[in-house]
N, C-alpha and C. Protein backbone atom coordinates (compact mmCIF):
# COMPACT_ATOMS: atom_id res chain seq x y z
N UNK A 1 40.73 -14.35 7.77
CA UNK A 1 40.83 -13.25 6.85
C UNK A 1 40.97 -11.98 7.67
N UNK A 2 41.88 -11.13 7.28
CA UNK A 2 42.08 -9.86 7.96
C UNK A 2 41.75 -8.74 6.99
N UNK A 3 41.30 -7.65 7.55
CA UNK A 3 41.03 -6.48 6.74
C UNK A 3 41.53 -5.26 7.49
N UNK A 4 41.89 -4.23 6.77
CA UNK A 4 42.43 -3.01 7.39
C UNK A 4 41.32 -1.97 7.51
N UNK A 5 41.26 -1.34 8.66
CA UNK A 5 40.33 -0.25 8.94
C UNK A 5 41.12 0.91 9.50
N UNK A 6 40.57 2.11 9.51
CA UNK A 6 41.30 3.24 10.09
C UNK A 6 41.68 3.01 11.55
N UNK A 7 40.92 2.18 12.25
CA UNK A 7 41.21 1.93 13.66
C UNK A 7 42.18 0.78 13.86
N UNK A 8 42.56 0.12 12.81
CA UNK A 8 43.50 -0.98 12.95
C UNK A 8 43.03 -2.22 12.21
N UNK A 9 43.71 -3.33 12.45
CA UNK A 9 43.36 -4.59 11.80
C UNK A 9 42.14 -5.21 12.46
N UNK A 10 41.40 -5.93 11.67
CA UNK A 10 40.21 -6.60 12.18
C UNK A 10 40.13 -7.98 11.56
N UNK A 11 39.89 -8.99 12.39
CA UNK A 11 39.75 -10.36 11.90
C UNK A 11 38.28 -10.65 11.65
N UNK A 12 37.98 -11.17 10.51
CA UNK A 12 36.62 -11.53 10.15
C UNK A 12 36.48 -13.04 10.16
N UNK A 13 35.30 -13.55 10.50
CA UNK A 13 35.11 -14.99 10.47
C UNK A 13 35.11 -15.47 9.02
N UNK A 14 35.41 -16.74 8.82
CA UNK A 14 35.42 -17.26 7.45
C UNK A 14 34.01 -17.25 6.86
N UNK A 15 33.93 -17.10 5.56
CA UNK A 15 32.66 -17.12 4.84
C UNK A 15 32.19 -18.56 4.72
N UNK A 16 30.95 -18.87 5.12
CA UNK A 16 30.49 -20.25 5.01
C UNK A 16 30.39 -20.68 3.55
N UNK A 17 30.80 -21.86 3.30
CA UNK A 17 30.75 -22.42 1.94
C UNK A 17 29.71 -23.53 1.92
N UNK A 18 29.03 -23.69 0.77
CA UNK A 18 28.05 -24.77 0.68
C UNK A 18 28.72 -26.14 0.75
N UNK A 19 27.97 -27.11 1.25
CA UNK A 19 28.49 -28.47 1.35
C UNK A 19 28.80 -28.98 -0.05
N UNK A 20 29.82 -29.80 -0.15
CA UNK A 20 30.23 -30.30 -1.45
C UNK A 20 29.25 -31.34 -2.00
N UNK A 21 28.46 -32.00 -1.10
CA UNK A 21 27.54 -33.01 -1.59
C UNK A 21 26.18 -32.42 -1.98
N UNK A 22 26.01 -31.13 -1.84
CA UNK A 22 24.73 -30.50 -2.22
C UNK A 22 24.66 -30.42 -3.74
N UNK A 23 23.46 -30.61 -4.25
CA UNK A 23 23.30 -30.53 -5.70
C UNK A 23 23.34 -29.07 -6.13
N UNK A 24 23.89 -28.80 -7.31
CA UNK A 24 24.00 -27.42 -7.76
C UNK A 24 22.61 -26.81 -7.96
N UNK A 25 22.46 -25.50 -7.68
CA UNK A 25 21.16 -24.86 -7.83
C UNK A 25 20.75 -24.79 -9.30
N UNK A 26 19.46 -24.80 -9.50
CA UNK A 26 18.90 -24.71 -10.84
C UNK A 26 19.04 -23.29 -11.36
N UNK A 27 19.20 -23.14 -12.67
CA UNK A 27 19.35 -21.81 -13.26
C UNK A 27 18.06 -21.02 -13.22
N UNK A 28 16.90 -21.69 -13.11
CA UNK A 28 15.63 -20.97 -13.12
C UNK A 28 15.21 -20.51 -11.72
N UNK A 29 16.03 -20.75 -10.69
CA UNK A 29 15.73 -20.28 -9.34
C UNK A 29 16.37 -18.92 -9.12
N UNK A 30 15.72 -18.11 -8.31
CA UNK A 30 16.29 -16.81 -7.97
C UNK A 30 17.48 -17.03 -7.04
N UNK A 31 18.35 -16.03 -6.91
CA UNK A 31 19.49 -16.16 -5.98
C UNK A 31 19.04 -16.42 -4.55
N UNK A 32 17.92 -15.81 -4.14
CA UNK A 32 17.43 -16.05 -2.77
C UNK A 32 17.00 -17.50 -2.59
N UNK A 33 16.33 -18.06 -3.60
CA UNK A 33 15.92 -19.46 -3.52
C UNK A 33 17.13 -20.38 -3.51
N UNK A 34 18.13 -20.04 -4.31
CA UNK A 34 19.34 -20.85 -4.34
C UNK A 34 20.03 -20.83 -2.98
N UNK A 35 20.15 -19.66 -2.37
CA UNK A 35 20.80 -19.54 -1.07
C UNK A 35 20.03 -20.30 -0.01
N UNK A 36 18.71 -20.16 -0.01
CA UNK A 36 17.89 -20.87 0.98
C UNK A 36 18.07 -22.36 0.85
N UNK A 37 18.07 -22.86 -0.36
CA UNK A 37 18.23 -24.30 -0.57
C UNK A 37 19.61 -24.77 -0.13
N UNK A 38 20.64 -23.99 -0.43
CA UNK A 38 21.98 -24.37 -0.01
C UNK A 38 22.09 -24.39 1.51
N UNK A 39 21.47 -23.44 2.18
CA UNK A 39 21.50 -23.41 3.65
C UNK A 39 20.75 -24.61 4.22
N UNK A 40 19.64 -24.97 3.63
CA UNK A 40 18.89 -26.14 4.11
C UNK A 40 19.70 -27.41 3.92
N UNK A 41 20.41 -27.48 2.80
CA UNK A 41 21.22 -28.66 2.54
C UNK A 41 22.36 -28.80 3.56
N UNK A 42 22.82 -27.65 4.11
CA UNK A 42 23.90 -27.68 5.09
C UNK A 42 23.45 -28.17 6.45
N UNK A 43 22.15 -28.02 6.78
CA UNK A 43 21.64 -28.40 8.10
C UNK A 43 21.12 -29.84 8.03
N UNK A 44 21.64 -30.74 8.87
CA UNK A 44 21.14 -32.12 8.85
C UNK A 44 19.65 -32.14 9.19
N UNK A 45 18.92 -33.09 8.61
CA UNK A 45 17.47 -33.17 8.76
C UNK A 45 17.04 -33.25 10.22
N UNK A 46 17.79 -33.96 11.06
CA UNK A 46 17.38 -34.09 12.46
C UNK A 46 17.52 -32.76 13.21
N UNK A 47 18.34 -31.80 12.70
CA UNK A 47 18.52 -30.51 13.35
C UNK A 47 17.53 -29.45 12.88
N UNK A 48 16.73 -29.76 11.89
CA UNK A 48 15.77 -28.79 11.36
C UNK A 48 14.57 -28.66 12.28
N UNK A 49 13.97 -27.47 12.24
CA UNK A 49 12.75 -27.24 13.01
C UNK A 49 11.57 -27.95 12.39
N UNK A 50 10.46 -28.10 13.13
CA UNK A 50 9.30 -28.83 12.61
C UNK A 50 8.64 -28.17 11.41
N UNK A 51 8.77 -26.83 11.27
CA UNK A 51 8.09 -26.15 10.17
C UNK A 51 8.91 -26.10 8.90
N UNK A 52 10.16 -26.48 8.93
CA UNK A 52 11.00 -26.32 7.76
C UNK A 52 10.71 -27.34 6.67
N UNK A 53 10.04 -28.43 6.99
CA UNK A 53 9.75 -29.44 5.99
C UNK A 53 8.35 -29.30 5.40
N UNK A 54 7.59 -28.33 5.88
CA UNK A 54 6.22 -28.15 5.40
C UNK A 54 6.26 -27.44 4.05
N UNK A 55 5.67 -28.06 3.07
CA UNK A 55 5.55 -27.46 1.75
C UNK A 55 4.06 -27.24 1.51
N UNK A 56 3.60 -25.99 1.52
CA UNK A 56 2.17 -25.75 1.37
C UNK A 56 1.68 -26.11 -0.04
N UNK A 57 0.53 -26.71 -0.09
CA UNK A 57 -0.10 -27.06 -1.37
C UNK A 57 -0.93 -25.87 -1.83
N UNK A 58 -1.32 -25.84 -3.09
CA UNK A 58 -2.18 -24.74 -3.57
C UNK A 58 -3.48 -24.62 -2.77
N UNK A 59 -4.01 -25.75 -2.30
CA UNK A 59 -5.25 -25.70 -1.51
C UNK A 59 -5.02 -24.99 -0.18
N UNK A 60 -3.86 -25.25 0.45
CA UNK A 60 -3.54 -24.60 1.71
C UNK A 60 -3.33 -23.11 1.49
N UNK A 61 -2.64 -22.75 0.44
CA UNK A 61 -2.43 -21.34 0.14
C UNK A 61 -3.75 -20.63 -0.16
N UNK A 62 -4.65 -21.27 -0.89
CA UNK A 62 -5.96 -20.67 -1.19
C UNK A 62 -6.77 -20.50 0.08
N UNK A 63 -6.70 -21.45 0.99
CA UNK A 63 -7.46 -21.35 2.24
C UNK A 63 -6.95 -20.21 3.10
N UNK A 64 -5.68 -19.84 2.95
CA UNK A 64 -5.13 -18.75 3.74
C UNK A 64 -5.74 -17.41 3.37
N UNK A 65 -6.32 -17.31 2.18
CA UNK A 65 -6.95 -16.07 1.75
C UNK A 65 -8.40 -15.97 2.20
N UNK A 66 -8.93 -17.01 2.81
CA UNK A 66 -10.31 -16.98 3.26
C UNK A 66 -10.46 -16.01 4.43
N UNK A 67 -11.49 -15.15 4.41
CA UNK A 67 -11.65 -14.16 5.48
C UNK A 67 -11.83 -14.79 6.86
N UNK A 68 -12.49 -15.93 6.94
CA UNK A 68 -12.72 -16.53 8.24
C UNK A 68 -11.44 -17.10 8.85
N UNK A 69 -10.41 -17.30 8.02
CA UNK A 69 -9.14 -17.83 8.51
C UNK A 69 -8.16 -16.69 8.80
N UNK A 70 -8.45 -15.51 8.30
CA UNK A 70 -7.54 -14.37 8.45
C UNK A 70 -7.32 -14.03 9.92
N UNK A 71 -6.17 -13.48 10.19
CA UNK A 71 -5.85 -13.07 11.56
C UNK A 71 -6.61 -11.80 11.91
N UNK A 72 -6.84 -11.58 13.18
CA UNK A 72 -7.53 -10.38 13.64
C UNK A 72 -6.55 -9.23 13.83
N UNK A 73 -5.84 -8.88 12.77
CA UNK A 73 -4.89 -7.79 12.86
C UNK A 73 -5.30 -6.64 11.95
N UNK A 74 -6.61 -6.43 11.82
CA UNK A 74 -7.10 -5.36 10.97
C UNK A 74 -6.63 -4.01 11.48
N UNK A 75 -6.20 -3.20 10.57
CA UNK A 75 -5.75 -1.86 10.89
C UNK A 75 -6.75 -0.89 10.25
N UNK A 76 -7.47 -0.10 11.04
CA UNK A 76 -8.47 0.80 10.47
C UNK A 76 -7.87 1.78 9.47
N UNK A 77 -6.66 2.24 9.70
CA UNK A 77 -6.03 3.17 8.77
C UNK A 77 -5.80 2.50 7.42
N UNK A 78 -5.31 1.26 7.46
CA UNK A 78 -5.09 0.54 6.20
C UNK A 78 -6.41 0.25 5.51
N UNK A 79 -7.44 -0.07 6.27
CA UNK A 79 -8.77 -0.29 5.69
C UNK A 79 -9.28 0.97 4.99
N UNK A 80 -9.05 2.13 5.61
CA UNK A 80 -9.47 3.41 5.04
C UNK A 80 -8.77 3.63 3.70
N UNK A 81 -7.45 3.43 3.66
CA UNK A 81 -6.67 3.60 2.44
C UNK A 81 -7.13 2.61 1.37
N UNK A 82 -7.35 1.37 1.77
CA UNK A 82 -7.79 0.34 0.82
C UNK A 82 -9.14 0.70 0.23
N UNK A 83 -10.03 1.21 1.05
CA UNK A 83 -11.36 1.60 0.58
C UNK A 83 -11.26 2.72 -0.46
N UNK A 84 -10.40 3.71 -0.21
CA UNK A 84 -10.24 4.79 -1.19
C UNK A 84 -9.63 4.27 -2.49
N UNK A 85 -8.62 3.42 -2.38
CA UNK A 85 -8.00 2.90 -3.60
C UNK A 85 -8.96 2.01 -4.39
N UNK A 86 -9.80 1.28 -3.68
CA UNK A 86 -10.76 0.41 -4.36
C UNK A 86 -11.87 1.22 -5.05
N UNK A 87 -12.06 2.45 -4.64
CA UNK A 87 -13.12 3.29 -5.22
C UNK A 87 -12.69 4.00 -6.49
N UNK A 88 -11.49 3.74 -6.99
CA UNK A 88 -10.98 4.44 -8.18
C UNK A 88 -11.93 4.32 -9.37
N UNK A 89 -12.45 3.14 -9.63
CA UNK A 89 -13.37 2.97 -10.77
C UNK A 89 -14.65 3.77 -10.54
N UNK A 90 -15.12 3.84 -9.30
CA UNK A 90 -16.31 4.63 -8.98
C UNK A 90 -16.03 6.12 -9.18
N UNK A 91 -14.82 6.57 -8.84
CA UNK A 91 -14.46 7.97 -9.06
C UNK A 91 -14.49 8.28 -10.56
N UNK A 92 -13.94 7.39 -11.37
CA UNK A 92 -13.93 7.60 -12.82
C UNK A 92 -15.36 7.67 -13.36
N UNK A 93 -16.21 6.76 -12.93
CA UNK A 93 -17.59 6.75 -13.40
C UNK A 93 -18.32 8.03 -12.98
N UNK A 94 -18.12 8.48 -11.76
CA UNK A 94 -18.80 9.69 -11.27
C UNK A 94 -18.34 10.92 -12.04
N UNK A 95 -17.08 10.94 -12.45
CA UNK A 95 -16.53 12.10 -13.16
C UNK A 95 -16.72 12.01 -14.66
N UNK A 96 -17.22 10.89 -15.16
CA UNK A 96 -17.35 10.71 -16.60
C UNK A 96 -16.01 10.49 -17.28
N UNK A 97 -15.05 9.98 -16.54
CA UNK A 97 -13.71 9.75 -17.06
C UNK A 97 -13.56 8.29 -17.50
N UNK A 98 -12.56 8.04 -18.30
CA UNK A 98 -12.28 6.68 -18.75
C UNK A 98 -11.65 5.85 -17.63
N UNK A 99 -10.77 6.49 -16.84
CA UNK A 99 -10.13 5.78 -15.74
C UNK A 99 -9.73 6.77 -14.65
N UNK A 100 -9.45 6.22 -13.49
CA UNK A 100 -8.99 7.03 -12.37
C UNK A 100 -7.96 6.23 -11.59
N UNK A 101 -7.03 6.96 -10.99
CA UNK A 101 -6.02 6.33 -10.17
C UNK A 101 -5.89 7.14 -8.88
N UNK A 102 -5.93 6.46 -7.77
CA UNK A 102 -5.74 7.13 -6.48
C UNK A 102 -4.24 7.17 -6.23
N UNK A 103 -3.66 8.36 -6.34
CA UNK A 103 -2.22 8.51 -6.17
C UNK A 103 -1.81 8.62 -4.72
N UNK A 104 -2.71 9.13 -3.90
CA UNK A 104 -2.38 9.30 -2.48
C UNK A 104 -3.66 9.11 -1.68
N UNK A 105 -3.55 8.42 -0.58
CA UNK A 105 -4.68 8.23 0.33
C UNK A 105 -4.13 8.27 1.75
N UNK A 106 -4.60 9.24 2.53
CA UNK A 106 -4.11 9.41 3.90
C UNK A 106 -5.32 9.39 4.83
N UNK A 107 -5.33 8.51 5.80
CA UNK A 107 -6.47 8.45 6.72
C UNK A 107 -6.47 9.63 7.68
N UNK A 108 -7.64 9.99 8.20
CA UNK A 108 -7.68 11.08 9.17
C UNK A 108 -7.10 10.63 10.51
N UNK A 109 -6.71 11.59 11.29
CA UNK A 109 -6.22 11.34 12.64
C UNK A 109 -6.62 12.54 13.49
N UNK A 110 -6.36 12.46 14.77
CA UNK A 110 -6.76 13.57 15.64
C UNK A 110 -5.94 14.82 15.35
N UNK A 111 -4.82 14.70 14.65
CA UNK A 111 -3.97 15.83 14.33
C UNK A 111 -3.85 16.09 12.83
N UNK A 112 -4.59 15.33 12.02
CA UNK A 112 -4.40 15.41 10.57
C UNK A 112 -5.72 15.17 9.85
N UNK A 113 -5.93 15.91 8.77
CA UNK A 113 -7.11 15.71 7.94
C UNK A 113 -6.86 14.56 6.97
N UNK A 114 -7.91 13.91 6.58
CA UNK A 114 -7.76 12.87 5.55
C UNK A 114 -7.47 13.56 4.22
N UNK A 115 -6.77 12.83 3.36
CA UNK A 115 -6.42 13.35 2.02
C UNK A 115 -6.62 12.25 1.00
N UNK A 116 -6.99 12.69 -0.18
CA UNK A 116 -7.09 11.76 -1.30
C UNK A 116 -6.73 12.53 -2.56
N UNK A 117 -5.75 12.02 -3.27
CA UNK A 117 -5.33 12.63 -4.53
C UNK A 117 -5.67 11.66 -5.65
N UNK A 118 -6.42 12.15 -6.61
CA UNK A 118 -6.92 11.31 -7.70
C UNK A 118 -6.48 11.90 -9.03
N UNK A 119 -6.07 11.05 -9.95
CA UNK A 119 -5.78 11.47 -11.32
C UNK A 119 -6.84 10.80 -12.21
N UNK A 120 -7.60 11.64 -12.89
CA UNK A 120 -8.64 11.17 -13.80
C UNK A 120 -8.11 11.27 -15.23
N UNK A 121 -8.36 10.26 -16.03
CA UNK A 121 -7.99 10.29 -17.45
C UNK A 121 -9.26 10.16 -18.27
N UNK A 122 -9.47 11.14 -19.12
CA UNK A 122 -10.67 11.18 -19.94
C UNK A 122 -10.43 10.55 -21.31
N UNK A 123 -11.50 10.27 -22.02
CA UNK A 123 -11.41 9.58 -23.31
C UNK A 123 -10.60 10.37 -24.33
N UNK A 124 -10.62 11.70 -24.25
CA UNK A 124 -9.88 12.52 -25.21
C UNK A 124 -8.40 12.65 -24.86
N UNK A 125 -7.96 11.97 -23.79
CA UNK A 125 -6.56 12.00 -23.38
C UNK A 125 -6.25 13.04 -22.32
N UNK A 126 -7.21 13.91 -22.02
CA UNK A 126 -6.99 14.92 -20.99
C UNK A 126 -6.93 14.27 -19.61
N UNK A 127 -6.17 14.89 -18.72
CA UNK A 127 -6.05 14.40 -17.36
C UNK A 127 -6.41 15.50 -16.38
N UNK A 128 -6.96 15.11 -15.26
CA UNK A 128 -7.25 16.03 -14.17
C UNK A 128 -6.65 15.45 -12.90
N UNK A 129 -5.83 16.22 -12.23
CA UNK A 129 -5.19 15.81 -10.98
C UNK A 129 -5.86 16.58 -9.86
N UNK A 130 -6.65 15.91 -9.05
CA UNK A 130 -7.46 16.55 -8.02
C UNK A 130 -7.05 16.06 -6.64
N UNK A 131 -7.05 16.99 -5.69
CA UNK A 131 -6.74 16.66 -4.30
C UNK A 131 -7.94 17.03 -3.44
N UNK A 132 -8.31 16.12 -2.55
CA UNK A 132 -9.43 16.32 -1.64
C UNK A 132 -8.92 16.21 -0.22
N UNK A 133 -9.45 17.08 0.66
CA UNK A 133 -9.15 16.95 2.08
C UNK A 133 -10.47 16.74 2.80
N UNK A 134 -10.40 15.91 3.81
CA UNK A 134 -11.59 15.59 4.59
C UNK A 134 -11.47 16.10 6.01
N UNK A 135 -12.15 15.45 6.88
CA UNK A 135 -12.21 15.88 8.28
C UNK A 135 -11.08 15.27 9.10
N UNK A 136 -10.96 15.77 10.31
CA UNK A 136 -10.04 15.23 11.31
C UNK A 136 -10.85 14.29 12.20
N UNK A 137 -10.29 13.17 12.58
CA UNK A 137 -11.03 12.27 13.47
C UNK A 137 -10.31 10.98 13.74
N UNK A 138 -10.75 10.33 14.80
CA UNK A 138 -10.20 9.03 15.18
C UNK A 138 -11.05 7.91 14.57
N UNK A 139 -10.52 6.68 14.51
CA UNK A 139 -11.31 5.57 13.99
C UNK A 139 -12.64 5.46 14.73
N UNK A 140 -13.68 5.21 13.94
CA UNK A 140 -15.02 5.07 14.51
C UNK A 140 -15.81 6.36 14.51
N UNK A 141 -15.17 7.49 14.19
CA UNK A 141 -15.87 8.76 14.13
C UNK A 141 -16.36 9.00 12.70
N UNK A 142 -17.28 9.94 12.50
CA UNK A 142 -17.80 10.20 11.14
C UNK A 142 -16.72 10.55 10.12
N UNK A 143 -15.59 11.07 10.55
CA UNK A 143 -14.52 11.41 9.61
C UNK A 143 -14.02 10.19 8.85
N UNK A 144 -14.20 9.02 9.42
CA UNK A 144 -13.69 7.80 8.80
C UNK A 144 -14.70 7.14 7.87
N UNK A 145 -15.92 7.58 7.88
CA UNK A 145 -16.97 6.92 7.11
C UNK A 145 -17.38 7.75 5.90
N UNK A 146 -17.39 7.15 4.75
CA UNK A 146 -17.98 7.75 3.57
C UNK A 146 -17.16 8.79 2.84
N UNK A 147 -15.88 8.93 3.13
CA UNK A 147 -15.08 9.92 2.41
C UNK A 147 -15.07 9.62 0.92
N UNK A 148 -14.98 8.35 0.56
CA UNK A 148 -15.00 7.98 -0.86
C UNK A 148 -16.34 8.36 -1.50
N UNK A 149 -17.43 8.15 -0.80
CA UNK A 149 -18.75 8.50 -1.34
C UNK A 149 -18.92 10.01 -1.48
N UNK A 150 -18.36 10.77 -0.53
CA UNK A 150 -18.44 12.22 -0.61
C UNK A 150 -17.66 12.73 -1.82
N UNK A 151 -16.51 12.15 -2.08
CA UNK A 151 -15.72 12.53 -3.26
C UNK A 151 -16.51 12.20 -4.53
N UNK A 152 -17.13 11.03 -4.57
CA UNK A 152 -17.93 10.65 -5.74
C UNK A 152 -19.06 11.65 -5.97
N UNK A 153 -19.70 12.09 -4.89
CA UNK A 153 -20.78 13.07 -5.02
C UNK A 153 -20.25 14.37 -5.61
N UNK A 154 -19.10 14.83 -5.13
CA UNK A 154 -18.52 16.06 -5.66
C UNK A 154 -18.18 15.90 -7.14
N UNK A 155 -17.58 14.79 -7.49
CA UNK A 155 -17.23 14.54 -8.89
C UNK A 155 -18.48 14.49 -9.77
N UNK A 156 -19.56 13.90 -9.25
CA UNK A 156 -20.79 13.74 -10.03
C UNK A 156 -21.63 15.00 -10.16
N UNK A 157 -21.36 16.01 -9.34
CA UNK A 157 -22.16 17.24 -9.40
C UNK A 157 -21.49 18.32 -10.24
N UNK A 158 -20.60 17.96 -11.10
CA UNK A 158 -20.02 18.92 -12.03
C UNK A 158 -18.67 19.48 -11.64
N UNK A 159 -18.11 19.03 -10.56
CA UNK A 159 -16.77 19.43 -10.14
C UNK A 159 -16.62 20.95 -10.03
N UNK A 160 -17.62 21.58 -9.46
CA UNK A 160 -17.58 23.04 -9.30
C UNK A 160 -16.51 23.42 -8.30
N UNK A 161 -15.87 24.53 -8.58
CA UNK A 161 -14.80 25.01 -7.70
C UNK A 161 -15.17 26.41 -7.22
N UNK A 162 -15.69 26.48 -6.02
CA UNK A 162 -16.05 27.75 -5.39
C UNK A 162 -15.01 28.09 -4.34
N UNK A 163 -14.67 29.35 -4.20
CA UNK A 163 -13.66 29.73 -3.19
C UNK A 163 -14.05 29.30 -1.77
N UNK A 164 -15.33 29.13 -1.50
CA UNK A 164 -15.77 28.76 -0.15
C UNK A 164 -15.28 27.38 0.26
N UNK A 165 -15.04 26.50 -0.67
CA UNK A 165 -14.61 25.15 -0.29
C UNK A 165 -13.28 24.73 -0.93
N UNK A 166 -12.53 25.68 -1.43
CA UNK A 166 -11.18 25.40 -1.92
C UNK A 166 -10.18 25.91 -0.89
N UNK A 167 -9.18 25.13 -0.60
CA UNK A 167 -8.14 25.52 0.36
C UNK A 167 -6.77 25.41 -0.30
N UNK A 168 -5.86 26.25 0.14
CA UNK A 168 -4.49 26.18 -0.36
C UNK A 168 -3.86 24.88 0.10
N UNK A 169 -3.16 24.24 -0.80
CA UNK A 169 -2.49 22.98 -0.49
C UNK A 169 -1.22 22.91 -1.31
N UNK A 170 -0.09 23.03 -0.65
CA UNK A 170 1.18 23.04 -1.37
C UNK A 170 1.51 21.70 -2.02
N UNK A 171 0.89 20.62 -1.53
CA UNK A 171 1.17 19.30 -2.09
C UNK A 171 0.27 18.96 -3.28
N UNK A 172 -0.78 19.74 -3.50
CA UNK A 172 -1.68 19.49 -4.63
C UNK A 172 -1.01 19.97 -5.92
N UNK A 173 -1.37 19.35 -7.03
CA UNK A 173 -0.72 19.67 -8.30
C UNK A 173 -0.96 21.12 -8.72
N UNK A 174 -2.13 21.67 -8.46
CA UNK A 174 -2.42 23.05 -8.83
C UNK A 174 -2.42 24.00 -7.63
N UNK A 175 -1.99 23.50 -6.47
CA UNK A 175 -1.87 24.34 -5.29
C UNK A 175 -3.14 24.50 -4.47
N UNK A 176 -4.23 23.88 -4.90
CA UNK A 176 -5.49 23.95 -4.15
C UNK A 176 -6.08 22.56 -4.00
N UNK A 177 -6.86 22.39 -2.94
CA UNK A 177 -7.55 21.12 -2.69
C UNK A 177 -9.02 21.43 -2.40
N UNK A 178 -9.84 20.47 -2.68
CA UNK A 178 -11.26 20.59 -2.39
C UNK A 178 -11.48 20.18 -0.95
N UNK A 179 -12.02 21.09 -0.14
CA UNK A 179 -12.34 20.82 1.26
C UNK A 179 -13.73 20.19 1.26
N UNK A 180 -13.79 18.88 1.32
CA UNK A 180 -15.05 18.15 1.20
C UNK A 180 -16.04 18.53 2.31
N UNK A 181 -15.63 18.59 3.59
CA UNK A 181 -16.60 19.00 4.62
C UNK A 181 -17.16 20.41 4.38
N UNK A 182 -16.33 21.35 3.90
CA UNK A 182 -16.83 22.69 3.61
C UNK A 182 -17.79 22.67 2.45
N UNK A 183 -17.51 21.83 1.44
CA UNK A 183 -18.43 21.71 0.31
C UNK A 183 -19.77 21.14 0.76
N UNK A 184 -19.74 20.14 1.61
CA UNK A 184 -20.98 19.55 2.11
C UNK A 184 -21.77 20.56 2.94
N UNK A 185 -21.07 21.37 3.74
CA UNK A 185 -21.74 22.36 4.57
C UNK A 185 -22.37 23.46 3.73
N UNK A 186 -21.73 23.79 2.61
CA UNK A 186 -22.26 24.85 1.74
C UNK A 186 -23.44 24.37 0.92
N UNK A 187 -23.56 23.08 0.73
CA UNK A 187 -24.62 22.52 -0.14
C UNK A 187 -25.86 22.24 0.55
């Protein structure tokens, strides 16, 4: 097959076609599953790798979720974000809201403050979009511990907004964020 380009003609390799003896794909399979099956059918069994014939059972898949089997590839930043997202129900309870959603969670770093943006939905349908900034720090420092609990404390103490602990934040919905370390220092 040839195709024309501004730089001239170009020959392309032929498009691989499925083997004629392969069974037609099922209509309930996704296109990716159909393609994978057709490619497997094209490769003779003796040429396949040892892992290509393994079909995991539900028991094997369930065992893969066990913490003792998990790989040691924990990422402290991802753990920080996961902890904040998991605290959404606690944020709602502390604020007296019906529900809460963590829209943004950013771990601290040596060059960046931690951030958490929460949207609270109250029983009367009102919403509050709040942004919190925390400390700067590396994994293992106090900046990484308890940010979710500090936010819960602020939410539970009446959500007071004093100029001493509010900072301008262009990314916040109302242009200000609660500086949690400043609030703790003032209290």
